[in-house]
Amino acid sequence: MRRTDEYIEILRLDNFIHVLSWQERLQICQYRANKTDEVPEKVKLLQEIIRNNGWDIPEFRYSDDRELKWLDNGIPRAIQFFPLKIIYELKNII
């Protein structure tokens, strides 16, 4: 995996769960840009949880009315109906 691809799923997941501070998100971006070699332990833990649970990054699209939706087998769905099982598990751990 290329360094620029590492931890992108963490940033996408954090759009749902909001457990990372802006500093932690910035550290991920700096790591991906080869500005640092370190990422926070919380980020490493999230990465491990994602891998162990087989979580896939959902595909997102904006609707004509500018509402962000996730695609469920090609069908646009409102964000509030995203299956939140992994999100609840992560919030209990972190």
PDB file of N, CA and C in Angstrom:
ATOM      1  N   MET A   1       0.843  -1.180   0.000  1.00  0.00           N
ATOM      2  CA  MET A   1       0.000   0.000   0.000  1.00  0.00           C
ATOM      3  C   MET A   1       0.888   1.243   0.000  1.00  0.00           C
ATOM      4  N   ARG A   2       0.534   2.191  -0.837  1.00  0.00           N
ATOM      5  CA  ARG A   2       1.298   3.443  -0.874  1.00  0.00           C
ATOM      6  C   ARG A   2       1.001   4.271   0.370  1.00  0.00           C
ATOM      7  N   ARG A   3       1.983   5.026   0.776  1.00  0.00           N
ATOM      8  CA  ARG A   3       1.842   5.843   1.976  1.00  0.00           C
ATOM      9  C   ARG A   3       0.683   6.832   1.852  1.00  0.00           C
ATOM     10  N   THR A   4       0.465   7.349   0.655  1.00  0.00           N
ATOM     11  CA  THR A   4      -0.624   8.314   0.472  1.00  0.00           C
ATOM     12  C   THR A   4      -1.994   7.667   0.649  1.00  0.00           C
ATOM     13  N   ASP A   5      -2.061   6.343   0.527  1.00  0.00           N
ATOM     14  CA  ASP A   5      -3.331   5.638   0.713  1.00  0.00           C
ATOM     15  C   ASP A   5      -3.561   5.206   2.158  1.00  0.00           C
ATOM     16  N   GLU A   6      -2.498   5.191   2.943  1.00  0.00           N
ATOM     17  CA  GLU A   6      -2.621   4.730   4.318  1.00  0.00           C
ATOM     18  C   GLU A   6      -3.478   5.688   5.138  1.00  0.00           C
ATOM     19  N   TYR A   7      -4.277   5.124   5.975  1.00  0.00           N
ATOM     20  CA  TYR A   7      -5.111   5.841   6.943  1.00  0.00           C
ATOM     21  C   TYR A   7      -6.228   6.678   6.323  1.00  0.00           C
ATOM     22  N   ILE A   8      -6.446   6.599   5.002  1.00  0.00           N
ATOM     23  CA  ILE A   8      -7.547   7.355   4.400  1.00  0.00           C
ATOM     24  C   ILE A   8      -8.886   6.857   4.938  1.00  0.00           C
ATOM     25  N   GLU A   9      -8.978   5.535   5.197  1.00  0.00           N
ATOM     26  CA  GLU A   9     -10.234   5.008   5.725  1.00  0.00           C
ATOM     27  C   GLU A   9     -10.511   5.523   7.129  1.00  0.00           C
ATOM     28  N   ILE A  10      -9.453   5.849   7.872  1.00  0.00           N
ATOM     29  CA  ILE A  10      -9.639   6.426   9.204  1.00  0.00           C
ATOM     30  C   ILE A  10     -10.270   7.808   9.085  1.00  0.00           C
ATOM     31  N   LEU A  11      -9.774   8.607   8.166  1.00  0.00           N
ATOM     32  CA  LEU A  11     -10.347   9.940   7.966  1.00  0.00           C
ATOM     33  C   LEU A  11     -11.807   9.842   7.524  1.00  0.00           C
ATOM     34  N   ARG A  12     -12.100   8.901   6.655  1.00  0.00           N
ATOM     35  CA  ARG A  12     -13.487   8.728   6.196  1.00  0.00           C
ATOM     36  C   ARG A  12     -14.382   8.225   7.321  1.00  0.00           C
ATOM     37  N   LEU A  13     -13.889   7.272   8.101  1.00  0.00           N
ATOM     38  CA  LEU A  13     -14.672   6.764   9.224  1.00  0.00           C
ATOM     39  C   LEU A  13     -14.928   7.866  10.244  1.00  0.00           C
ATOM     40  N   ASP A  14     -13.932   8.702  10.472  1.00  0.00           N
ATOM     41  CA  ASP A  14     -14.092   9.765  11.463  1.00  0.00           C
ATOM     42  C   ASP A  14     -15.147  10.787  11.044  1.00  0.00           C
ATOM     43  N   ASN A  15     -15.478  10.852   9.767  1.00  0.00           N
ATOM     44  CA  ASN A  15     -16.585  11.708   9.344  1.00  0.00           C
ATOM     45  C   ASN A  15     -17.894  11.265   9.989  1.00  0.00           C
ATOM     46  N   PHE A  16     -18.000   9.980  10.347  1.00  0.00           N
ATOM     47  CA  PHE A  16     -19.196   9.455  11.004  1.00  0.00           C
ATOM     48  C   PHE A  16     -19.089   9.513  12.520  1.00  0.00           C
ATOM     49  N   ILE A  17     -17.943   9.092  13.055  1.00  0.00           N
ATOM     50  CA  ILE A  17     -17.866   8.875  14.503  1.00  0.00           C
ATOM     51  C   ILE A  17     -17.293  10.050  15.281  1.00  0.00           C
ATOM     52  N   HIS A  18     -16.573  10.922  14.635  1.00  0.00           N
ATOM     53  CA  HIS A  18     -16.049  12.150  15.257  1.00  0.00           C
ATOM     54  C   HIS A  18     -15.303  11.881  16.565  1.00  0.00           C
ATOM     55  N   VAL A  19     -14.326  10.976  16.521  1.00  0.00           N
ATOM     56  CA  VAL A  19     -13.532  10.688  17.715  1.00  0.00           C
ATOM     57  C   VAL A  19     -12.125  11.282  17.644  1.00  0.00           C
ATOM     58  N   LEU A  20     -11.708  11.728  16.473  1.00  0.00           N
ATOM     59  CA  LEU A  20     -10.374  12.308  16.333  1.00  0.00           C
ATOM     60  C   LEU A  20     -10.439  13.824  16.473  1.00  0.00           C
ATOM     61  N   SER A  21      -9.432  14.362  17.124  1.00  0.00           N
ATOM     62  CA  SER A  21      -9.316  15.820  17.209  1.00  0.00           C
ATOM     63  C   SER A  21      -8.774  16.343  15.879  1.00  0.00           C
ATOM     64  N   TRP A  22      -8.847  17.638  15.703  1.00  0.00           N
ATOM     65  CA  TRP A  22      -8.309  18.199  14.459  1.00  0.00           C
ATOM     66  C   TRP A  22      -6.802  17.978  14.394  1.00  0.00           C
ATOM     67  N   GLN A  23      -6.142  17.939  15.568  1.00  0.00           N
ATOM     68  CA  GLN A  23      -4.702  17.699  15.590  1.00  0.00           C
ATOM     69  C   GLN A  23      -4.375  16.277  15.121  1.00  0.00           C
ATOM     70  N   GLU A  24      -5.198  15.317  15.548  1.00  0.00           N
ATOM     71  CA  GLU A  24      -4.975  13.927  15.127  1.00  0.00           C
ATOM     72  C   GLU A  24      -5.236  13.764  13.631  1.00  0.00           C
ATOM     73  N   ARG A  25      -6.272  14.427  13.146  1.00  0.00           N
ATOM     74  CA  ARG A  25      -6.551  14.381  11.706  1.00  0.00           C
ATOM     75  C   ARG A  25      -5.396  15.022  10.929  1.00  0.00           C
ATOM     76  N   LEU A  26      -4.874  16.113  11.445  1.00  0.00           N
ATOM     77  CA  LEU A  26      -3.749  16.788  10.809  1.00  0.00           C
ATOM     78  C   LEU A  26      -2.514  15.887  10.793  1.00  0.00           C
ATOM     79  N   GLN A  27      -2.275  15.171  11.880  1.00  0.00           N
ATOM     80  CA  GLN A  27      -1.129  14.258  11.927  1.00  0.00           C
ATOM     81  C   GLN A  27      -1.241  13.170  10.865  1.00  0.00           C
ATOM     82  N   ILE A  28      -2.450  12.673  10.635  1.00  0.00           N
ATOM     83  CA  ILE A  28      -2.648  11.675   9.582  1.00  0.00           C
ATOM     84  C   ILE A  28      -2.283  12.279   8.233  1.00  0.00           C
ATOM     85  N   CYS A  29      -2.754  13.479   7.985  1.00  0.00           N
ATOM     86  CA  CYS A  29      -2.462  14.144   6.706  1.00  0.00           C
ATOM     87  C   CYS A  29      -0.966  14.396   6.546  1.00  0.00           C
ATOM     88  N   GLN A  30      -0.303  14.787   7.633  1.00  0.00           N
ATOM     89  CA  GLN A  30       1.139  15.011   7.578  1.00  0.00           C
ATOM     90  C   GLN A  30       1.881  13.704   7.315  1.00  0.00           C
ATOM     91  N   TYR A  31       1.421  12.624   7.917  1.00  0.00           N
ATOM     92  CA  TYR A  31       2.029  11.314   7.673  1.00  0.00           C
ATOM     93  C   TYR A  31       1.876  10.935   6.203  1.00  0.00           C
ATOM     94  N   ARG A  32       0.685  11.100   5.677  1.00  0.00           N
ATOM     95  CA  ARG A  32       0.417  10.733   4.285  1.00  0.00           C
ATOM     96  C   ARG A  32       1.230  11.582   3.314  1.00  0.00           C
ATOM     97  N   ALA A  33       1.600  12.807   3.733  1.00  0.00           N
ATOM     98  CA  ALA A  33       2.387  13.705   2.889  1.00  0.00           C
ATOM     99  C   ALA A  33       3.888  13.590   3.162  1.00  0.00           C
ATOM    100  N   ASN A  34       4.299  12.569   3.927  1.00  0.00           N
ATOM    101  CA  ASN A  34       5.715  12.349   4.272  1.00  0.00           C
ATOM    102  C   ASN A  34       6.319  13.479   5.089  1.00  0.00           C
ATOM    103  N   LYS A  35       5.509  14.161   5.879  1.00  0.00           N
ATOM    104  CA  LYS A  35       6.016  15.232   6.744  1.00  0.00           C
ATOM    105  C   LYS A  35       6.369  14.721   8.134  1.00  0.00           C
ATOM    106  N   THR A  36       5.866  13.535   8.490  1.00  0.00           N
ATOM    107  CA  THR A  36       6.172  12.912   9.772  1.00  0.00           C
ATOM    108  C   THR A  36       6.107  11.402   9.602  1.00  0.00           C
ATOM    109  N   ASP A  37       6.711  10.693  10.527  1.00  0.00           N
ATOM    110  CA  ASP A  37       6.668   9.232  10.487  1.00  0.00           C
ATOM    111  C   ASP A  37       5.791   8.657  11.592  1.00  0.00           C
ATOM    112  N   GLU A  38       5.090   9.518  12.318  1.00  0.00           N
ATOM    113  CA  GLU A  38       4.297   9.066  13.452  1.00  0.00           C
ATOM    114  C   GLU A  38       2.825   9.392  13.258  1.00  0.00           C
ATOM    115  N   VAL A  39       1.990   8.486  13.748  1.00  0.00           N
ATOM    116  CA  VAL A  39       0.553   8.733  13.825  1.00  0.00           C
ATOM    117  C   VAL A  39       0.123   8.426  15.258  1.00  0.00           C
ATOM    118  N   PRO A  40      -0.937   9.063  15.741  1.00  0.00           N
ATOM    119  CA  PRO A  40      -1.387   8.825  17.116  1.00  0.00           C
ATOM    120  C   PRO A  40      -1.799   7.369  17.350  1.00  0.00           C
ATOM    121  N   GLU A  41      -1.655   6.920  18.586  1.00  0.00           N
ATOM    122  CA  GLU A  41      -2.030   5.547  18.944  1.00  0.00           C
ATOM    123  C   GLU A  41      -3.510   5.290  18.676  1.00  0.00           C
ATOM    124  N   LYS A  42      -4.346   6.295  18.898  1.00  0.00           N
ATOM    125  CA  LYS A  42      -5.778   6.140  18.641  1.00  0.00           C
ATOM    126  C   LYS A  42      -6.031   5.788  17.176  1.00  0.00           C
ATOM    127  N   VAL A  43      -5.260   6.381  16.296  1.00  0.00           N
ATOM    128  CA  VAL A  43      -5.398   6.123  14.857  1.00  0.00           C
ATOM    129  C   VAL A  43      -4.994   4.684  14.547  1.00  0.00           C
ATOM    130  N   LYS A  44      -3.922   4.223  15.162  1.00  0.00           N
ATOM    131  CA  LYS A  44      -3.493   2.833  14.963  1.00  0.00           C
ATOM    132  C   LYS A  44      -4.548   1.852  15.478  1.00  0.00           C
ATOM    133  N   LEU A  45      -5.174   2.188  16.606  1.00  0.00           N
ATOM    134  CA  LEU A  45      -6.233   1.346  17.156  1.00  0.00           C
ATOM    135  C   LEU A  45      -7.433   1.304  16.210  1.00  0.00           C
ATOM    136  N   LEU A  46      -7.828   2.448  15.686  1.00  0.00           N
ATOM    137  CA  LEU A  46      -8.935   2.499  14.726  1.00  0.00           C
ATOM    138  C   LEU A  46      -8.620   1.659  13.492  1.00  0.00           C
ATOM    139  N   GLN A  47      -7.396   1.749  13.016  1.00  0.00           N
ATOM    140  CA  GLN A  47      -6.974   0.977  11.838  1.00  0.00           C
ATOM    141  C   GLN A  47      -7.111  -0.525  12.103  1.00  0.00           C
ATOM    142  N   GLU A  48      -6.692  -0.942  13.277  1.00  0.00           N
ATOM    143  CA  GLU A  48      -6.778  -2.359  13.640  1.00  0.00           C
ATOM    144  C   GLU A  48      -8.236  -2.814  13.724  1.00  0.00           C
ATOM    145  N   ILE A  49      -9.097  -1.996  14.302  1.00  0.00           N
ATOM    146  CA  ILE A  49     -10.518  -2.335  14.423  1.00  0.00           C
ATOM    147  C   ILE A  49     -11.159  -2.454  13.046  1.00  0.00           C
ATOM    148  N   ILE A  50     -10.832  -1.535  12.158  1.00  0.00           N
ATOM    149  CA  ILE A  50     -11.377  -1.566  10.799  1.00  0.00           C
ATOM    150  C   ILE A  50     -10.962  -2.852  10.094  1.00  0.00           C
ATOM    151  N   ARG A  51      -9.702  -3.202  10.203  1.00  0.00           N
ATOM    152  CA  ARG A  51      -9.210  -4.423   9.545  1.00  0.00           C
ATOM    153  C   ARG A  51      -9.854  -5.675  10.133  1.00  0.00           C
ATOM    154  N   ASN A  52      -9.984  -5.708  11.463  1.00  0.00           N
ATOM    155  CA  ASN A  52     -10.563  -6.885  12.120  1.00  0.00           C
ATOM    156  C   ASN A  52     -12.046  -7.057  11.802  1.00  0.00           C
ATOM    157  N   ASN A  53     -12.751  -5.950  11.554  1.00  0.00           N
ATOM    158  CA  ASN A  53     -14.185  -6.007  11.277  1.00  0.00           C
ATOM    159  C   ASN A  53     -14.504  -6.030   9.791  1.00  0.00           C
ATOM    160  N   GLY A  54     -13.496  -5.892   8.955  1.00  0.00           N
ATOM    161  CA  GLY A  54     -13.731  -5.908   7.515  1.00  0.00           C
ATOM    162  C   GLY A  54     -14.591  -4.752   7.030  1.00  0.00           C
ATOM    163  N   TRP A  55     -14.466  -3.595   7.670  1.00  0.00           N
ATOM    164  CA  TRP A  55     -15.279  -2.440   7.298  1.00  0.00           C
ATOM    165  C   TRP A  55     -14.830  -1.892   5.960  1.00  0.00           C
ATOM    166  N   ASP A  56     -15.772  -1.644   5.075  1.00  0.00           N
ATOM    167  CA  ASP A  56     -15.480  -1.045   3.779  1.00  0.00           C
ATOM    168  C   ASP A  56     -15.926   0.402   3.776  1.00  0.00           C
ATOM    169  N   ILE A  57     -15.159   1.221   3.106  1.00  0.00           N
ATOM    170  CA  ILE A  57     -15.496   2.633   2.996  1.00  0.00           C
ATOM    171  C   ILE A  57     -16.731   2.770   2.115  1.00  0.00           C
ATOM    172  N   PRO A  58     -17.773   3.427   2.617  1.00  0.00           N
ATOM    173  CA  PRO A  58     -18.965   3.599   1.775  1.00  0.00           C
ATOM    174  C   PRO A  58     -18.697   4.596   0.654  1.00  0.00           C
ATOM    175  N   GLU A  59     -19.455   4.450  -0.408  1.00  0.00           N
ATOM    176  CA  GLU A  59     -19.355   5.394  -1.517  1.00  0.00           C
ATOM    177  C   GLU A  59     -20.364   6.507  -1.275  1.00  0.00           C
ATOM    178  N   PHE A  60     -19.921   7.746  -1.443  1.00  0.00           N
ATOM    179  CA  PHE A  60     -20.775   8.904  -1.190  1.00  0.00           C
ATOM    180  C   PHE A  60     -21.045   9.660  -2.476  1.00  0.00           C
ATOM    181  N   ARG A  61     -22.204  10.278  -2.523  1.00  0.00           N
ATOM    182  CA  ARG A  61     -22.578  11.157  -3.632  1.00  0.00           C
ATOM    183  C   ARG A  61     -23.443  12.284  -3.079  1.00  0.00           C
ATOM    184  N   TYR A  62     -23.361  13.437  -3.715  1.00  0.00           N
ATOM    185  CA  TYR A  62     -24.272  14.527  -3.383  1.00  0.00           C
ATOM    186  C   TYR A  62     -25.478  14.445  -4.302  1.00  0.00           C
ATOM    187  N   SER A  63     -26.657  14.595  -3.715  1.00  0.00           N
ATOM    188  CA  SER A  63     -27.883  14.574  -4.511  1.00  0.00           C
ATOM    189  C   SER A  63     -28.058  15.932  -5.191  1.00  0.00           C
ATOM    190  N   ASP A  64     -29.067  16.028  -6.041  1.00  0.00           N
ATOM    191  CA  ASP A  64     -29.336  17.285  -6.739  1.00  0.00           C
ATOM    192  C   ASP A  64     -29.648  18.425  -5.779  1.00  0.00           C
ATOM    193  N   ASP A  65     -30.174  18.090  -4.604  1.00  0.00           N
ATOM    194  CA  ASP A  65     -30.475  19.128  -3.608  1.00  0.00           C
ATOM    195  C   ASP A  65     -29.312  19.342  -2.629  1.00  0.00           C
ATOM    196  N   ARG A  66     -28.121  18.881  -3.019  1.00  0.00           N
ATOM    197  CA  ARG A  66     -26.864  19.079  -2.282  1.00  0.00           C
ATOM    198  C   ARG A  66     -26.810  18.373  -0.933  1.00  0.00           C
ATOM    199  N   GLU A  67     -27.562  17.303  -0.793  1.00  0.00           N
ATOM    200  CA  GLU A  67     -27.513  16.506   0.423  1.00  0.00           C
ATOM    201  C   GLU A  67     -26.540  15.351   0.202  1.00  0.00           C
ATOM    202  N   LEU A  68     -25.627  15.157   1.153  1.00  0.00           N
ATOM    203  CA  LEU A  68     -24.671  14.056   1.056  1.00  0.00           C
ATOM    204  C   LEU A  68     -25.388  12.744   1.337  1.00  0.00           C
ATOM    205  N   LYS A  69     -25.209  11.772   0.451  1.00  0.00           N
ATOM    206  CA  LYS A  69     -25.851  10.463   0.594  1.00  0.00           C
ATOM    207  C   LYS A  69     -24.788   9.378   0.428  1.00  0.00           C
ATOM    208  N   TRP A  70     -25.035   8.230   1.024  1.00  0.00           N
ATOM    209  CA  TRP A  70     -24.172   7.074   0.798  1.00  0.00           C
ATOM    210  C   TRP A  70     -24.916   6.121  -0.112  1.00  0.00           C
ATOM    211  N   LEU A  71     -24.172   5.381  -0.912  1.00  0.00           N
ATOM    212  CA  LEU A  71     -24.788   4.474  -1.877  1.00  0.00           C
ATOM    213  C   LEU A  71     -24.881   3.069  -1.293  1.00  0.00           C
ATOM    214  N   ASP A  72     -26.086   2.539  -1.291  1.00  0.00           N
ATOM    215  CA  ASP A  72     -26.377   1.198  -0.812  1.00  0.00           C
ATOM    216  C   ASP A  72     -26.768   0.364  -2.022  1.00  0.00           C
ATOM    217  N   ASN A  73     -25.796  -0.393  -2.565  1.00  0.00           N
ATOM    218  CA  ASN A  73     -26.013  -1.152  -3.806  1.00  0.00           C
ATOM    219  C   ASN A  73     -26.515  -0.247  -4.923  1.00  0.00           C
ATOM    220  N   GLY A  74     -25.917   0.932  -5.014  1.00  0.00           N
ATOM    221  CA  GLY A  74     -26.253   1.874  -6.074  1.00  0.00           C
ATOM    222  C   GLY A  74     -27.435   2.771  -5.769  1.00  0.00           C
ATOM    223  N   ILE A  75     -28.110   2.543  -4.642  1.00  0.00           N
ATOM    224  CA  ILE A  75     -29.271   3.357  -4.275  1.00  0.00           C
ATOM    225  C   ILE A  75     -28.832   4.416  -3.268  1.00  0.00           C
ATOM    226  N   PRO A  76     -29.048   5.710  -3.567  1.00  0.00           N
ATOM    227  CA  PRO A  76     -28.671   6.761  -2.618  1.00  0.00           C
ATOM    228  C   PRO A  76     -29.521   6.694  -1.351  1.00  0.00           C
ATOM    229  N   ARG A  77     -28.863   6.726  -0.208  1.00  0.00           N
ATOM    230  CA  ARG A  77     -29.545   6.699   1.092  1.00  0.00           C
ATOM    231  C   ARG A  77     -29.052   7.873   1.932  1.00  0.00           C
ATOM    232  N   ALA A  78     -29.934   8.387   2.776  1.00  0.00           N
ATOM    233  CA  ALA A  78     -29.564   9.479   3.676  1.00  0.00           C
ATOM    234  C   ALA A  78     -28.543   8.979   4.690  1.00  0.00           C
ATOM    235  N   ILE A  79     -27.639   9.856   5.087  1.00  0.00           N
ATOM    236  CA  ILE A  79     -26.570   9.499   6.025  1.00  0.00           C
ATOM    237  C   ILE A  79     -27.133   8.930   7.325  1.00  0.00           C
ATOM    238  N   GLN A  80     -28.245   9.476   7.802  1.00  0.00           N
ATOM    239  CA  GLN A  80     -28.778   9.004   9.087  1.00  0.00           C
ATOM    240  C   GLN A  80     -29.214   7.541   9.045  1.00  0.00           C
ATOM    241  N   PHE A  81     -29.330   6.951   7.850  1.00  0.00           N
ATOM    242  CA  PHE A  81     -29.714   5.545   7.740  1.00  0.00           C
ATOM    243  C   PHE A  81     -28.514   4.634   7.473  1.00  0.00           C
ATOM    244  N   PHE A  82     -27.301   5.175   7.634  1.00  0.00           N
ATOM    245  CA  PHE A  82     -26.105   4.355   7.462  1.00  0.00           C
ATOM    246  C   PHE A  82     -26.052   3.321   8.587  1.00  0.00           C
ATOM    247  N   PRO A  83     -25.734   2.038   8.276  1.00  0.00           N
ATOM    248  CA  PRO A  83     -25.649   1.022   9.332  1.00  0.00           C
ATOM    249  C   PRO A  83     -24.543   1.377  10.322  1.00  0.00           C
ATOM    250  N   LEU A  84     -24.915   1.591  11.550  1.00  0.00           N
ATOM    251  CA  LEU A  84     -23.994   2.167  12.525  1.00  0.00           C
ATOM    252  C   LEU A  84     -23.355   1.165  13.479  1.00  0.00           C
ATOM    253  N   LYS A  85     -23.440  -0.124  13.213  1.00  0.00           N
ATOM    254  CA  LYS A  85     -22.909  -1.115  14.150  1.00  0.00           C
ATOM    255  C   LYS A  85     -21.455  -0.840  14.511  1.00  0.00           C
ATOM    256  N   ILE A  86     -20.596  -0.678  13.531  1.00  0.00           N
ATOM    257  CA  ILE A  86     -19.175  -0.444  13.816  1.00  0.00           C
ATOM    258  C   ILE A  86     -18.969   0.880  14.547  1.00  0.00           C
ATOM    259  N   ILE A  87     -19.795   1.856  14.253  1.00  0.00           N
ATOM    260  CA  ILE A  87     -19.660   3.158  14.903  1.00  0.00           C
ATOM    261  C   ILE A  87     -19.924   3.032  16.393  1.00  0.00           C
ATOM    262  N   TYR A  88     -20.981   2.329  16.780  1.00  0.00           N
ATOM    263  CA  TYR A  88     -21.273   2.142  18.198  1.00  0.00           C
ATOM    264  C   TYR A  88     -20.180   1.330  18.877  1.00  0.00           C
ATOM    265  N   GLU A  89     -19.661   0.332  18.205  1.00  0.00           N
ATOM    266  CA  GLU A  89     -18.574  -0.466  18.773  1.00  0.00           C
ATOM    267  C   GLU A  89     -17.340   0.396  19.011  1.00  0.00           C
ATOM    268  N   LEU A  90     -17.010   1.240  18.050  1.00  0.00           N
ATOM    269  CA  LEU A  90     -15.829   2.090  18.179  1.00  0.00           C
ATOM    270  C   LEU A  90     -15.992   3.105  19.297  1.00  0.00           C
ATOM    271  N   LYS A  91     -17.164   3.688  19.414  1.00  0.00           N
ATOM    272  CA  LYS A  91     -17.373   4.686  20.470  1.00  0.00           C
ATOM    273  C   LYS A  91     -17.273   4.054  21.850  1.00  0.00           C
ATOM    274  N   ASN A  92     -17.605   2.776  21.972  1.00  0.00           N
ATOM    275  CA  ASN A  92     -17.475   2.092  23.253  1.00  0.00           C
ATOM    276  C   ASN A  92     -16.022   1.785  23.585  1.00  0.00           C
ATOM    277  N   ILE A  93     -15.193   1.613  22.574  1.00  0.00           N
ATOM    278  CA  ILE A  93     -13.786   1.272  22.786  1.00  0.00           C
ATOM    279  C   ILE A  93     -12.944   2.512  23.033  1.00  0.00           C
ATOM    280  N   ILE A  94     -13.212   3.563  22.274  1.00  0.00           N
ATOM    281  CA  ILE A  94     -12.349   4.749  22.318  1.00  0.00           C
ATOM    282  C   ILE A  94     -12.843   5.755  23.323  1.00  0.00           C
TER     283      ILE A  94
END
